[in-house]
């Protein structure tokens, strides 16, 4: 009833997914989540700047928005890939449901 390292307890009887709570327990995901949050905030800034006619600020905020979303999603994907690789699986191997 523990993970492969024997450190974290795993309740296999009540857990039907292999990575339940991974986003909470794995702190390496947080930079990706923060970048996605920054992307959401700059999306709002982009829309407000465009609405008020500040074209330059809208372009700058739009670029920051897109870069934040792409880098944040990439960081989360790479961390999830690292976790799967430690288990000897591929990224899209199906487990659970």
PDB file of N, CA and C in Angstrom:
ATOM      1  N   UNK A   1       0.806  -1.193   0.000  1.00  0.00           N
ATOM      2  CA  UNK A   1       0.000   0.000   0.000  1.00  0.00           C
ATOM      3  C   UNK A   1       0.851   1.259   0.000  1.00  0.00           C
ATOM      4  N   UNK A   2       1.973   1.229  -0.695  1.00  0.00           N
ATOM      5  CA  UNK A   2       2.761   2.448  -0.844  1.00  0.00           C
ATOM      6  C   UNK A   2       3.210   2.546  -2.295  1.00  0.00           C
ATOM      7  N   UNK A   3       3.698   3.723  -2.660  1.00  0.00           N
ATOM      8  CA  UNK A   3       4.096   3.927  -4.052  1.00  0.00           C
ATOM      9  C   UNK A   3       5.383   3.166  -4.348  1.00  0.00           C
ATOM     10  N   UNK A   4       5.917   3.342  -5.547  1.00  0.00           N
ATOM     11  CA  UNK A   4       7.095   2.581  -5.959  1.00  0.00           C
ATOM     12  C   UNK A   4       8.309   2.867  -5.099  1.00  0.00           C
ATOM     13  N   UNK A   5       8.385   4.058  -4.525  1.00  0.00           N
ATOM     14  CA  UNK A   5       9.517   4.401  -3.661  1.00  0.00           C
ATOM     15  C   UNK A   5       9.283   3.983  -2.218  1.00  0.00           C
ATOM     16  N   UNK A   6       8.055   3.612  -1.891  1.00  0.00           N
ATOM     17  CA  UNK A   6       7.733   3.254  -0.527  1.00  0.00           C
ATOM     18  C   UNK A   6       7.556   4.450   0.376  1.00  0.00           C
ATOM     19  N   UNK A   7       7.396   5.641  -0.181  1.00  0.00           N
ATOM     20  CA  UNK A   7       7.319   6.857   0.622  1.00  0.00           C
ATOM     21  C   UNK A   7       5.880   7.262   0.876  1.00  0.00           C
ATOM     22  N   UNK A   8       5.104   7.451  -0.183  1.00  0.00           N
ATOM     23  CA  UNK A   8       3.729   7.917  -0.060  1.00  0.00           C
ATOM     24  C   UNK A   8       2.761   6.745  -0.050  1.00  0.00           C
ATOM     25  N   UNK A   9       1.854   6.707   0.916  1.00  0.00           N
ATOM     26  CA  UNK A   9       0.892   5.610   0.929  1.00  0.00           C
ATOM     27  C   UNK A   9      -0.105   5.751  -0.218  1.00  0.00           C
ATOM     28  N   UNK A  10      -0.465   4.623  -0.827  1.00  0.00           N
ATOM     29  CA  UNK A  10      -1.422   4.589  -1.920  1.00  0.00           C
ATOM     30  C   UNK A  10      -2.540   3.638  -1.525  1.00  0.00           C
ATOM     31  N   UNK A  11      -3.768   4.122  -1.574  1.00  0.00           N
ATOM     32  CA  UNK A  11      -4.926   3.302  -1.244  1.00  0.00           C
ATOM     33  C   UNK A  11      -5.481   2.709  -2.531  1.00  0.00           C
ATOM     34  N   UNK A  12      -4.989   1.523  -2.900  1.00  0.00           N
ATOM     35  CA  UNK A  12      -5.384   0.897  -4.153  1.00  0.00           C
ATOM     36  C   UNK A  12      -6.812   0.365  -4.127  1.00  0.00           C
ATOM     37  N   UNK A  13      -7.358   0.103  -2.951  1.00  0.00           N
ATOM     38  CA  UNK A  13      -8.706  -0.439  -2.872  1.00  0.00           C
ATOM     39  C   UNK A  13      -9.765   0.605  -3.192  1.00  0.00           C
ATOM     40  N   UNK A  14      -9.538   1.865  -2.843  1.00  0.00           N
ATOM     41  CA  UNK A  14     -10.535   2.912  -3.032  1.00  0.00           C
ATOM     42  C   UNK A  14     -10.188   3.896  -4.151  1.00  0.00           C
ATOM     43  N   UNK A  15      -9.014   3.762  -4.744  1.00  0.00           N
ATOM     44  CA  UNK A  15      -8.576   4.685  -5.791  1.00  0.00           C
ATOM     45  C   UNK A  15      -8.569   3.947  -7.124  1.00  0.00           C
ATOM     46  N   UNK A  16      -9.393   4.436  -8.056  1.00  0.00           N
ATOM     47  CA  UNK A  16      -9.436   3.766  -9.350  1.00  0.00           C
ATOM     48  C   UNK A  16      -8.631   4.504 -10.412  1.00  0.00           C
ATOM     49  N   UNK A  17      -7.996   5.586 -10.068  1.00  0.00           N
ATOM     50  CA  UNK A  17      -7.119   6.301 -10.989  1.00  0.00           C
ATOM     51  C   UNK A  17      -5.723   6.328 -10.397  1.00  0.00           C
ATOM     52  N   UNK A  18      -4.721   6.196 -11.257  1.00  0.00           N
ATOM     53  CA  UNK A  18      -3.356   6.053 -10.751  1.00  0.00           C
ATOM     54  C   UNK A  18      -2.733   7.361 -10.287  1.00  0.00           C
ATOM     55  N   UNK A  19      -3.264   8.501 -10.737  1.00  0.00           N
ATOM     56  CA  UNK A  19      -2.641   9.786 -10.407  1.00  0.00           C
ATOM     57  C   UNK A  19      -3.617  10.745  -9.741  1.00  0.00           C
ATOM     58  N   UNK A  20      -4.466  10.241  -8.897  1.00  0.00           N
ATOM     59  CA  UNK A  20      -5.403  11.102  -8.198  1.00  0.00           C
ATOM     60  C   UNK A  20      -4.621  12.023  -7.266  1.00  0.00           C
ATOM     61  N   UNK A  21      -4.883  13.317  -7.358  1.00  0.00           N
ATOM     62  CA  UNK A  21      -4.224  14.284  -6.495  1.00  0.00           C
ATOM     63  C   UNK A  21      -2.809  14.632  -6.902  1.00  0.00           C
ATOM     64  N   UNK A  22      -2.392  14.225  -8.088  1.00  0.00           N
ATOM     65  CA  UNK A  22      -1.027  14.512  -8.534  1.00  0.00           C
ATOM     66  C   UNK A  22      -0.765  16.012  -8.585  1.00  0.00           C
ATOM     67  N   UNK A  23      -1.756  16.771  -8.982  1.00  0.00           N
ATOM     68  CA  UNK A  23      -1.585  18.218  -9.092  1.00  0.00           C
ATOM     69  C   UNK A  23      -1.345  18.863  -7.731  1.00  0.00           C
ATOM     70  N   UNK A  24      -1.856  18.261  -6.683  1.00  0.00           N
ATOM     71  CA  UNK A  24      -1.702  18.824  -5.343  1.00  0.00           C
ATOM     72  C   UNK A  24      -0.394  18.361  -4.702  1.00  0.00           C
ATOM     73  N   UNK A  25      -0.099  17.074  -4.826  1.00  0.00           N
ATOM     74  CA  UNK A  25       1.064  16.532  -4.127  1.00  0.00           C
ATOM     75  C   UNK A  25       2.380  16.840  -4.805  1.00  0.00           C
ATOM     76  N   UNK A  26       2.359  17.044  -6.131  1.00  0.00           N
ATOM     77  CA  UNK A  26       3.596  17.291  -6.857  1.00  0.00           C
ATOM     78  C   UNK A  26       3.800  18.793  -7.014  1.00  0.00           C
ATOM     79  N   UNK A  27       4.717  19.358  -6.265  1.00  0.00           N
ATOM     80  CA  UNK A  27       4.958  20.797  -6.289  1.00  0.00           C
ATOM     81  C   UNK A  27       5.623  21.301  -7.550  1.00  0.00           C
ATOM     82  N   UNK A  28       6.116  20.411  -8.380  1.00  0.00           N
ATOM     83  CA  UNK A  28       6.761  20.845  -9.619  1.00  0.00           C
ATOM     84  C   UNK A  28       5.754  21.295 -10.666  1.00  0.00           C
ATOM     85  N   UNK A  29       4.473  21.069 -10.430  1.00  0.00           N
ATOM     86  CA  UNK A  29       3.427  21.532 -11.344  1.00  0.00           C
ATOM     87  C   UNK A  29       3.099  23.008 -11.141  1.00  0.00           C
ATOM     88  N   UNK A  30       3.403  23.554  -9.985  1.00  0.00           N
ATOM     89  CA  UNK A  30       2.961  24.902  -9.636  1.00  0.00           C
ATOM     90  C   UNK A  30       3.437  25.999 -10.583  1.00  0.00           C
ATOM     91  N   UNK A  31       4.672  25.977 -11.078  1.00  0.00           N
ATOM     92  CA  UNK A  31       5.037  27.032 -12.042  1.00  0.00           C
ATOM     93  C   UNK A  31       4.144  27.029 -13.280  1.00  0.00           C
ATOM     94  N   UNK A  32       3.775  25.853 -13.748  1.00  0.00           N
ATOM     95  CA  UNK A  32       2.876  25.773 -14.894  1.00  0.00           C
ATOM     96  C   UNK A  32       1.510  26.342 -14.582  1.00  0.00           C
ATOM     97  N   UNK A  33       1.002  26.034 -13.393  1.00  0.00           N
ATOM     98  CA  UNK A  33      -0.304  26.573 -13.002  1.00  0.00           C
ATOM     99  C   UNK A  33      -0.247  28.089 -12.834  1.00  0.00           C
ATOM    100  N   UNK A  34       0.855  28.584 -12.285  1.00  0.00           N
ATOM    101  CA  UNK A  34       1.001  30.034 -12.137  1.00  0.00           C
ATOM    102  C   UNK A  34       1.080  30.727 -13.494  1.00  0.00           C
ATOM    103  N   UNK A  35       1.756  30.111 -14.444  1.00  0.00           N
ATOM    104  CA  UNK A  35       1.830  30.696 -15.777  1.00  0.00           C
ATOM    105  C   UNK A  35       0.465  30.694 -16.472  1.00  0.00           C
ATOM    106  N   UNK A  36      -0.320  29.665 -16.267  1.00  0.00           N
ATOM    107  CA  UNK A  36      -1.667  29.646 -16.835  1.00  0.00           C
ATOM    108  C   UNK A  36      -2.532  30.710 -16.162  1.00  0.00           C
ATOM    109  N   UNK A  37      -2.370  30.897 -14.860  1.00  0.00           N
ATOM    110  CA  UNK A  37      -3.077  31.975 -14.171  1.00  0.00           C
ATOM    111  C   UNK A  37      -2.658  33.342 -14.684  1.00  0.00           C
ATOM    112  N   UNK A  38      -1.362  33.512 -14.934  1.00  0.00           N
ATOM    113  CA  UNK A  38      -0.881  34.760 -15.524  1.00  0.00           C
ATOM    114  C   UNK A  38      -1.471  34.957 -16.912  1.00  0.00           C
ATOM    115  N   UNK A  39      -1.603  33.883 -17.670  1.00  0.00           N
ATOM    116  CA  UNK A  39      -2.220  33.960 -18.984  1.00  0.00           C
ATOM    117  C   UNK A  39      -3.674  34.399 -18.910  1.00  0.00           C
ATOM    118  N   UNK A  40      -4.398  33.901 -17.911  1.00  0.00           N
ATOM    119  CA  UNK A  40      -5.793  34.328 -17.740  1.00  0.00           C
ATOM    120  C   UNK A  40      -5.878  35.806 -17.370  1.00  0.00           C
ATOM    121  N   UNK A  41      -4.985  36.239 -16.484  1.00  0.00           N
ATOM    122  CA  UNK A  41      -4.998  37.646 -16.089  1.00  0.00           C
ATOM    123  C   UNK A  41      -4.651  38.550 -17.266  1.00  0.00           C
ATOM    124  N   UNK A  42      -3.658  38.173 -18.040  1.00  0.00           N
ATOM    125  CA  UNK A  42      -3.293  39.011 -19.175  1.00  0.00           C
ATOM    126  C   UNK A  42      -4.316  38.921 -20.303  1.00  0.00           C
ATOM    127  N   UNK A  43      -5.084  37.848 -20.359  1.00  0.00           N
ATOM    128  CA  UNK A  43      -6.186  37.784 -21.307  1.00  0.00           C
ATOM    129  C   UNK A  43      -7.203  38.879 -20.989  1.00  0.00           C
ATOM    130  N   UNK A  44      -7.509  39.032 -19.697  1.00  0.00           N
ATOM    131  CA  UNK A  44      -8.400  40.115 -19.282  1.00  0.00           C
ATOM    132  C   UNK A  44      -7.811  41.479 -19.598  1.00  0.00           C
ATOM    133  N   UNK A  45      -6.531  41.650 -19.328  1.00  0.00           N
ATOM    134  CA  UNK A  45      -5.871  42.918 -19.642  1.00  0.00           C
ATOM    135  C   UNK A  45      -5.888  43.208 -21.147  1.00  0.00           C
ATOM    136  N   UNK A  46      -5.695  42.165 -21.931  1.00  0.00           N
ATOM    137  CA  UNK A  46      -5.721  42.325 -23.386  1.00  0.00           C
ATOM    138  C   UNK A  46      -7.088  42.804 -23.851  1.00  0.00           C
ATOM    139  N   UNK A  47      -8.134  42.180 -23.346  1.00  0.00           N
ATOM    140  CA  UNK A  47      -9.487  42.554 -23.760  1.00  0.00           C
ATOM    141  C   UNK A  47      -9.840  43.974 -23.321  1.00  0.00           C
ATOM    142  N   UNK A  48      -9.437  44.349 -22.107  1.00  0.00           N
ATOM    143  CA  UNK A  48      -9.719  45.710 -21.636  1.00  0.00           C
ATOM    144  C   UNK A  48      -8.937  46.738 -22.451  1.00  0.00           C
ATOM    145  N   UNK A  49      -7.654  46.467 -22.700  1.00  0.00           N
ATOM    146  CA  UNK A  49      -6.838  47.408 -23.479  1.00  0.00           C
ATOM    147  C   UNK A  49      -7.375  47.540 -24.901  1.00  0.00           C
ATOM    148  N   UNK A  50      -7.786  46.444 -25.489  1.00  0.00           N
ATOM    149  CA  UNK A  50      -8.343  46.505 -26.843  1.00  0.00           C
ATOM    150  C   UNK A  50      -9.675  47.245 -26.848  1.00  0.00           C
ATOM    151  N   UNK A  51     -10.467  47.041 -25.813  1.00  0.00           N
ATOM    152  CA  UNK A  51     -11.756  47.717 -25.726  1.00  0.00           C
ATOM    153  C   UNK A  51     -11.638  49.224 -25.586  1.00  0.00           C
ATOM    154  N   UNK A  52     -10.624  49.671 -24.884  1.00  0.00           N
ATOM    155  CA  UNK A  52     -10.416  51.105 -24.700  1.00  0.00           C
ATOM    156  C   UNK A  52      -9.579  51.733 -25.807  1.00  0.00           C
ATOM    157  N   UNK A  53      -9.126  50.925 -26.760  1.00  0.00           N
ATOM    158  CA  UNK A  53      -8.404  51.462 -27.902  1.00  0.00           C
ATOM    159  C   UNK A  53      -6.904  51.592 -27.725  1.00  0.00           C
ATOM    160  N   UNK A  54      -6.338  50.988 -26.695  1.00  0.00           N
ATOM    161  CA  UNK A  54      -4.888  51.020 -26.483  1.00  0.00           C
ATOM    162  C   UNK A  54      -4.256  49.851 -27.244  1.00  0.00           C
ATOM    163  N   UNK A  55      -4.033  50.079 -28.521  1.00  0.00           N
ATOM    164  CA  UNK A  55      -3.586  48.999 -29.396  1.00  0.00           C
ATOM    165  C   UNK A  55      -2.222  48.445 -28.981  1.00  0.00           C
ATOM    166  N   UNK A  56      -1.292  49.283 -28.646  1.00  0.00           N
ATOM    167  CA  UNK A  56       0.049  48.836 -28.246  1.00  0.00           C
ATOM    168  C   UNK A  56       0.017  47.957 -27.012  1.00  0.00           C
ATOM    169  N   UNK A  57      -0.723  48.400 -25.995  1.00  0.00           N
ATOM    170  CA  UNK A  57      -0.833  47.617 -24.770  1.00  0.00           C
ATOM    171  C   UNK A  57      -1.574  46.302 -25.017  1.00  0.00           C
ATOM    172  N   UNK A  58      -2.546  46.339 -25.906  1.00  0.00           N
ATOM    173  CA  UNK A  58      -3.294  45.121 -26.226  1.00  0.00           C
ATOM    174  C   UNK A  58      -2.386  44.087 -26.896  1.00  0.00           C
ATOM    175  N   UNK A  59      -1.521  44.552 -27.778  1.00  0.00           N
ATOM    176  CA  UNK A  59      -0.593  43.637 -28.450  1.00  0.00           C
ATOM    177  C   UNK A  59       0.401  43.051 -27.444  1.00  0.00           C
ATOM    178  N   UNK A  60       0.949  43.902 -26.585  1.00  0.00           N
ATOM    179  CA  UNK A  60       1.913  43.426 -25.585  1.00  0.00           C
ATOM    180  C   UNK A  60       1.255  42.413 -24.650  1.00  0.00           C
ATOM    181  N   UNK A  61       0.080  42.742 -24.124  1.00  0.00           N
ATOM    182  CA  UNK A  61      -0.613  41.823 -23.216  1.00  0.00           C
ATOM    183  C   UNK A  61      -1.024  40.542 -23.941  1.00  0.00           C
ATOM    184  N   UNK A  62      -1.383  40.657 -25.211  1.00  0.00           N
ATOM    185  CA  UNK A  62      -1.753  39.476 -25.986  1.00  0.00           C
ATOM    186  C   UNK A  62      -0.584  38.523 -26.171  1.00  0.00           C
ATOM    187  N   UNK A  63       0.581  39.086 -26.434  1.00  0.00           N
ATOM    188  CA  UNK A  63       1.775  38.251 -26.595  1.00  0.00           C
ATOM    189  C   UNK A  63       2.119  37.567 -25.274  1.00  0.00           C
ATOM    190  N   UNK A  64       2.070  38.328 -24.188  1.00  0.00           N
ATOM    191  CA  UNK A  64       2.353  37.743 -22.867  1.00  0.00           C
ATOM    192  C   UNK A  64       1.328  36.652 -22.543  1.00  0.00           C
ATOM    193  N   UNK A  65       0.074  36.877 -22.912  1.00  0.00           N
ATOM    194  CA  UNK A  65      -0.980  35.902 -22.676  1.00  0.00           C
ATOM    195  C   UNK A  65      -0.698  34.586 -23.401  1.00  0.00           C
ATOM    196  N   UNK A  66      -0.414  34.683 -24.681  1.00  0.00           N
ATOM    197  CA  UNK A  66      -0.167  33.477 -25.478  1.00  0.00           C
ATOM    198  C   UNK A  66       1.075  32.741 -24.990  1.00  0.00           C
ATOM    199  N   UNK A  67       2.139  33.481 -24.719  1.00  0.00           N
ATOM    200  CA  UNK A  67       3.379  32.852 -24.245  1.00  0.00           C
ATOM    201  C   UNK A  67       3.145  32.180 -22.889  1.00  0.00           C
ATOM    202  N   UNK A  68       2.402  32.816 -21.999  1.00  0.00           N
ATOM    203  CA  UNK A  68       2.126  32.241 -20.681  1.00  0.00           C
ATOM    204  C   UNK A  68       1.320  30.954 -20.795  1.00  0.00           C
ATOM    205  N   UNK A  69       0.304  30.962 -21.649  1.00  0.00           N
ATOM    206  CA  UNK A  69      -0.497  29.746 -21.829  1.00  0.00           C
ATOM    207  C   UNK A  69       0.341  28.613 -22.414  1.00  0.00           C
ATOM    208  N   UNK A  70       1.132  28.907 -23.428  1.00  0.00           N
ATOM    209  CA  UNK A  70       1.913  27.858 -24.087  1.00  0.00           C
ATOM    210  C   UNK A  70       2.986  27.299 -23.152  1.00  0.00           C
ATOM    211  N   UNK A  71       3.736  28.166 -22.502  1.00  0.00           N
ATOM    212  CA  UNK A  71       4.804  27.709 -21.613  1.00  0.00           C
ATOM    213  C   UNK A  71       4.214  27.001 -20.389  1.00  0.00           C
ATOM    214  N   UNK A  72       3.108  27.503 -19.842  1.00  0.00           N
ATOM    215  CA  UNK A  72       2.469  26.854 -18.698  1.00  0.00           C
ATOM    216  C   UNK A  72       1.958  25.470 -19.031  1.00  0.00           C
ATOM    217  N   UNK A  73       1.279  25.337 -20.168  1.00  0.00           N
ATOM    218  CA  UNK A  73       0.782  24.023 -20.578  1.00  0.00           C
ATOM    219  C   UNK A  73       1.944  23.071 -20.861  1.00  0.00           C
ATOM    220  N   UNK A  74       3.006  23.571 -21.474  1.00  0.00           N
ATOM    221  CA  UNK A  74       4.181  22.751 -21.754  1.00  0.00           C
ATOM    222  C   UNK A  74       4.836  22.283 -20.451  1.00  0.00           C
ATOM    223  N   UNK A  75       4.924  23.159 -19.460  1.00  0.00           N
ATOM    224  CA  UNK A  75       5.538  22.790 -18.177  1.00  0.00           C
ATOM    225  C   UNK A  75       4.730  21.708 -17.480  1.00  0.00           C
ATOM    226  N   UNK A  76       3.421  21.820 -17.500  1.00  0.00           N
ATOM    227  CA  UNK A  76       2.574  20.806 -16.864  1.00  0.00           C
ATOM    228  C   UNK A  76       2.670  19.487 -17.618  1.00  0.00           C
ATOM    229  N   UNK A  77       2.663  19.548 -18.935  1.00  0.00           N
ATOM    230  CA  UNK A  77       2.771  18.344 -19.741  1.00  0.00           C
ATOM    231  C   UNK A  77       4.110  17.642 -19.517  1.00  0.00           C
ATOM    232  N   UNK A  78       5.188  18.389 -19.450  1.00  0.00           N
ATOM    233  CA  UNK A  78       6.503  17.784 -19.238  1.00  0.00           C
ATOM    234  C   UNK A  78       6.615  17.167 -17.839  1.00  0.00           C
ATOM    235  N   UNK A  79       6.013  17.802 -16.855  1.00  0.00           N
ATOM    236  CA  UNK A  79       6.045  17.237 -15.504  1.00  0.00           C
ATOM    237  C   UNK A  79       5.225  15.947 -15.444  1.00  0.00           C
ATOM    238  N   UNK A  80       4.084  15.940 -16.096  1.00  0.00           N
ATOM    239  CA  UNK A  80       3.274  14.725 -16.122  1.00  0.00           C
ATOM    240  C   UNK A  80       4.015  13.616 -16.875  1.00  0.00           C
ATOM    241  N   UNK A  81       4.706  13.998 -17.926  1.00  0.00           N
ATOM    242  CA  UNK A  81       5.498  13.028 -18.678  1.00  0.00           C
ATOM    243  C   UNK A  81       6.626  12.460 -17.815  1.00  0.00           C
ATOM    244  N   UNK A  82       7.244  13.305 -16.997  1.00  0.00           N
ATOM    245  CA  UNK A  82       8.309  12.845 -16.103  1.00  0.00           C
ATOM    246  C   UNK A  82       7.785  11.828 -15.096  1.00  0.00           C
ATOM    247  N   UNK A  83       6.612  12.104 -14.548  1.00  0.00           N
ATOM    248  CA  UNK A  83       6.000  11.187 -13.579  1.00  0.00           C
ATOM    249  C   UNK A  83       5.711   9.842 -14.235  1.00  0.00           C
ATOM    250  N   UNK A  84       5.144   9.873 -15.439  1.00  0.00           N
ATOM    251  CA  UNK A  84       4.838   8.625 -16.141  1.00  0.00           C
ATOM    252  C   UNK A  84       6.121   7.863 -16.485  1.00  0.00           C
ATOM    253  N   UNK A  85       7.181   8.595 -16.868  1.00  0.00           N
ATOM    254  CA  UNK A  85       8.443   7.942 -17.220  1.00  0.00           C
ATOM    255  C   UNK A  85       9.055   7.253 -15.998  1.00  0.00           C
ATOM    256  N   UNK A  86       8.911   7.859 -14.813  1.00  0.00           N
ATOM    257  CA  UNK A  86       9.421   7.226 -13.596  1.00  0.00           C
ATOM    258  C   UNK A  86       8.706   5.920 -13.299  1.00  0.00           C
ATOM    259  N   UNK A  87       7.466   5.808 -13.761  1.00  0.00           N
ATOM    260  CA  UNK A  87       6.697   4.580 -13.569  1.00  0.00           C
ATOM    261  C   UNK A  87       6.916   3.582 -14.698  1.00  0.00           C
ATOM    262  N   UNK A  88       7.732   3.950 -15.694  1.00  0.00           N
ATOM    263  CA  UNK A  88       8.004   3.057 -16.804  1.00  0.00           C
ATOM    264  C   UNK A  88       6.896   3.031 -17.841  1.00  0.00           C
ATOM    265  N   UNK A  89       6.128   4.110 -17.943  1.00  0.00           N
ATOM    266  CA  UNK A  89       5.024   4.164 -18.887  1.00  0.00           C
ATOM    267  C   UNK A  89       5.220   5.315 -19.853  1.00  0.00           C
ATOM    268  N   UNK A  90       4.441   5.285 -20.929  1.00  0.00           N
ATOM    269  CA  UNK A  90       4.424   6.382 -21.878  1.00  0.00           C
ATOM    270  C   UNK A  90       3.394   7.405 -21.420  1.00  0.00           C
ATOM    271  N   UNK A  91       3.435   8.596 -21.997  1.00  0.00           N
ATOM    272  CA  UNK A  91       2.549   9.678 -21.580  1.00  0.00           C
ATOM    273  C   UNK A  91       1.081   9.331 -21.773  1.00  0.00           C
ATOM    274  N   UNK A  92       0.738   8.673 -22.867  1.00  0.00           N
ATOM    275  CA  UNK A  92      -0.666   8.413 -23.164  1.00  0.00           C
ATOM    276  C   UNK A  92      -1.091   6.972 -22.873  1.00  0.00           C
ATOM    277  N   UNK A  93      -0.343   6.252 -22.039  1.00  0.00           N
ATOM    278  CA  UNK A  93      -0.770   4.924 -21.634  1.00  0.00           C
ATOM    279  C   UNK A  93      -2.026   5.051 -20.796  1.00  0.00           C
ATOM    280  N   UNK A  94      -3.015   4.254 -21.124  1.00  0.00           N
ATOM    281  CA  UNK A  94      -4.301   4.339 -20.434  1.00  0.00           C
ATOM    282  C   UNK A  94      -4.287   3.504 -19.158  1.00  0.00           C
ATOM    283  N   UNK A  95      -4.744   4.116 -18.099  1.00  0.00           N
ATOM    284  CA  UNK A  95      -4.942   3.443 -16.823  1.00  0.00           C
ATOM    285  C   UNK A  95      -6.185   4.009 -16.199  1.00  0.00           C
ATOM    286  N   UNK A  96      -6.782   3.284 -15.325  1.00  0.00           N
ATOM    287  CA  UNK A  96      -7.987   3.795 -14.662  1.00  0.00           C
ATOM    288  C   UNK A  96      -9.155   3.808 -15.622  1.00  0.00           C
ATOM    289  N   UNK A  97      -9.772   4.975 -15.754  1.00  0.00           N
ATOM    290  CA  UNK A  97     -10.919   5.045 -16.656  1.00  0.00           C
ATOM    291  C   UNK A  97     -10.786   6.129 -17.650  1.00  0.00           C
TER     292      UNK A  97
END
